[in-house]
Protein backbone atom coordinates (compact mmCIF):
# COMPACT_ATOMS: atom_id res chain seq x y z
CA GLN A 1 19.12 1.62 2.15
CA VAL A 2 15.56 1.38 0.41
CA GLN A 3 13.74 4.47 -0.93
CA LEU A 4 10.15 4.08 -1.38
CA VAL A 5 7.60 6.90 -2.95
CA GLU A 6 4.08 6.72 -3.06
CA SER A 7 1.88 7.99 -6.07
CA GLY A 8 -1.97 8.06 -6.75
CA GLY A 9 -3.88 9.58 -3.67
CA GLY A 10 -6.30 11.84 -3.79
CA LEU A 11 -10.23 12.65 -3.39
CA VAL A 12 -12.56 10.16 -4.23
CA GLN A 13 -16.82 9.51 -4.08
CA ALA A 14 -17.68 6.78 -1.98
CA GLY A 15 -18.03 4.01 -4.59
CA GLY A 16 -15.04 5.19 -6.87
CA SER A 17 -12.00 3.83 -7.30
CA LEU A 18 -8.18 4.85 -6.54
CA THR A 19 -4.90 2.99 -7.51
CA LEU A 20 -1.89 3.66 -5.51
CA SER A 21 1.56 3.27 -6.34
CA CYS A 22 4.89 2.93 -4.31
CA ALA A 23 8.56 2.80 -6.27
CA ALA A 24 11.29 1.24 -4.21
CA SER A 25 15.09 2.61 -5.19
CA GLY A 26 18.46 1.77 -3.81
CA ARG A 27 18.99 -1.71 -2.47
CA THR A 28 16.04 -3.39 -4.09
CA SER A 29 17.70 -6.65 -4.97
CA ARG A 30 16.00 -8.60 -2.15
CA MET A 31 12.62 -7.55 -0.68
CA PRO A 32 10.63 -10.42 0.51
CA SER A 33 7.79 -8.31 0.97
CA MET A 34 6.24 -4.91 0.44
CA GLY A 35 2.59 -4.03 0.95
CA TRP A 36 0.24 -1.32 2.36
CA TYR A 37 -0.55 -0.18 5.64
CA ARG A 38 -2.85 3.05 6.55
CA GLN A 39 -3.24 5.39 9.63
CA ALA A 40 -5.96 7.50 10.27
CA PRO A 41 -5.96 10.73 12.26
CA GLY A 42 -6.33 9.23 15.88
CA LYS A 43 -5.71 5.49 15.30
CA GLN A 44 -3.01 3.25 14.81
CA ARG A 45 -1.13 2.43 11.76
CA GLU A 46 -3.19 -0.55 10.40
CA LEU A 47 -1.82 -3.31 7.58
CA VAL A 48 -4.05 -3.24 4.45
CA ALA A 49 -2.06 -5.40 2.07
CA THR A 50 0.92 -7.25 1.81
CA ILE A 51 2.62 -9.39 -1.01
CA ARG A 52 5.84 -11.29 -1.17
CA SER A 53 7.95 -11.74 -3.94
CA GLU A 54 6.75 -15.25 -4.98
CA GLY A 55 3.64 -13.56 -4.63
CA ASN A 56 1.12 -14.49 -1.74
CA PRO A 57 -0.80 -11.67 -1.23
CA ASN A 58 -2.65 -10.73 2.46
CA TYR A 59 -5.32 -8.52 2.99
CA ALA A 60 -7.21 -7.13 6.00
CA ASP A 61 -10.37 -8.24 6.27
CA PHE A 62 -12.04 -5.13 6.05
CA VAL A 63 -10.60 -4.27 1.87
CA ARG A 64 -10.80 -8.20 1.18
CA GLY A 65 -12.78 -7.96 -2.29
CA ARG A 66 -12.36 -4.90 -2.75
CA PHE A 67 -8.69 -4.12 -2.81
CA THR A 68 -6.25 -5.57 -4.99
CA ILE A 69 -2.14 -5.94 -4.20
CA SER A 70 0.35 -6.95 -7.06
CA ARG A 71 3.93 -6.17 -7.84
CA ASP A 72 5.48 -5.74 -11.03
CA SER A 73 7.97 -8.45 -12.93
CA ALA A 74 11.02 -6.44 -11.36
CA LYS A 75 9.62 -6.41 -7.67
CA THR A 76 10.18 -3.20 -6.87
CA THR A 77 6.82 -1.53 -7.55
CA VAL A 78 4.07 -2.40 -5.70
CA TYR A 79 0.25 -1.37 -6.69
CA LEU A 80 -2.68 -1.35 -4.67
CA GLN A 81 -6.14 -1.26 -6.64
CA MET A 82 -9.04 0.30 -4.79
CA ASN A 83 -12.61 -0.21 -5.76
CA ASN A 84 -15.77 0.60 -3.77
CA LEU A 85 -14.17 2.99 -1.64
CA LYS A 86 -16.13 4.15 1.46
CA PRO A 87 -15.60 6.75 3.92
CA GLU A 88 -13.95 4.49 6.35
CA ASP A 89 -11.03 4.33 4.28
CA THR A 90 -10.32 7.58 4.47
CA SER A 91 -6.39 7.50 5.64
CA VAL A 92 -2.68 8.30 5.21
CA TYR A 93 -1.91 5.21 3.13
CA TYR A 94 1.97 4.33 3.63
CA CYS A 95 4.35 2.00 1.27
CA TYR A 96 6.14 -0.55 3.22
CA ALA A 97 8.88 -2.99 2.25
CA ARG A 98 11.08 -5.51 4.31
CA ASP A 99 14.26 -6.45 3.18
CA TYR A 100 16.03 -10.25 3.45
CA LEU A 101 17.92 -8.76 6.46
CA TYR A 102 13.98 -8.00 8.26
CA ASN A 103 15.00 -4.27 7.79
CA ASP A 104 11.78 -2.65 7.31
CA TYR A 105 11.19 0.83 5.25
CA TRP A 106 8.16 3.25 4.98
CA GLY A 107 7.25 5.87 2.40
CA GLN A 108 6.23 9.54 3.36
CA GLY A 109 2.58 8.38 2.82
CA THR A 110 -0.25 9.57 0.41
CA GLN A 111 -3.57 10.81 1.72
CA VAL A 112 -6.56 9.26 0.04
CA THR A 113 -10.01 11.01 1.08
CA VAL A 114 -13.65 9.35 0.60
CA SER A 115 -16.12 11.17 0.61
CA SER A 116 -20.21 10.33 0.88
């Protein structure tokens, strides 16, 4: 089992920045993929960015150039640096991890609110 705990959400004005963090604990020895999804009220959960243990970030078109995903050297913490935030980025952001057996794990979510 893997547990994911997010932090770093909050309220920011449009054009501002936030950094989300997600720390994994438990059986973290082999997690090929970690990333972030988001879900706004009344909408489906959507991919924001993912990153594999060897690197290779992948971004949704709507955040490319504004958000940067990274992992620490131990590969157990994933970060999402969000710059030039827009009101439409307001959402609950969920941390995600997939282990080598293709089990998916989710964090509890952290609220990001961008005011105009």
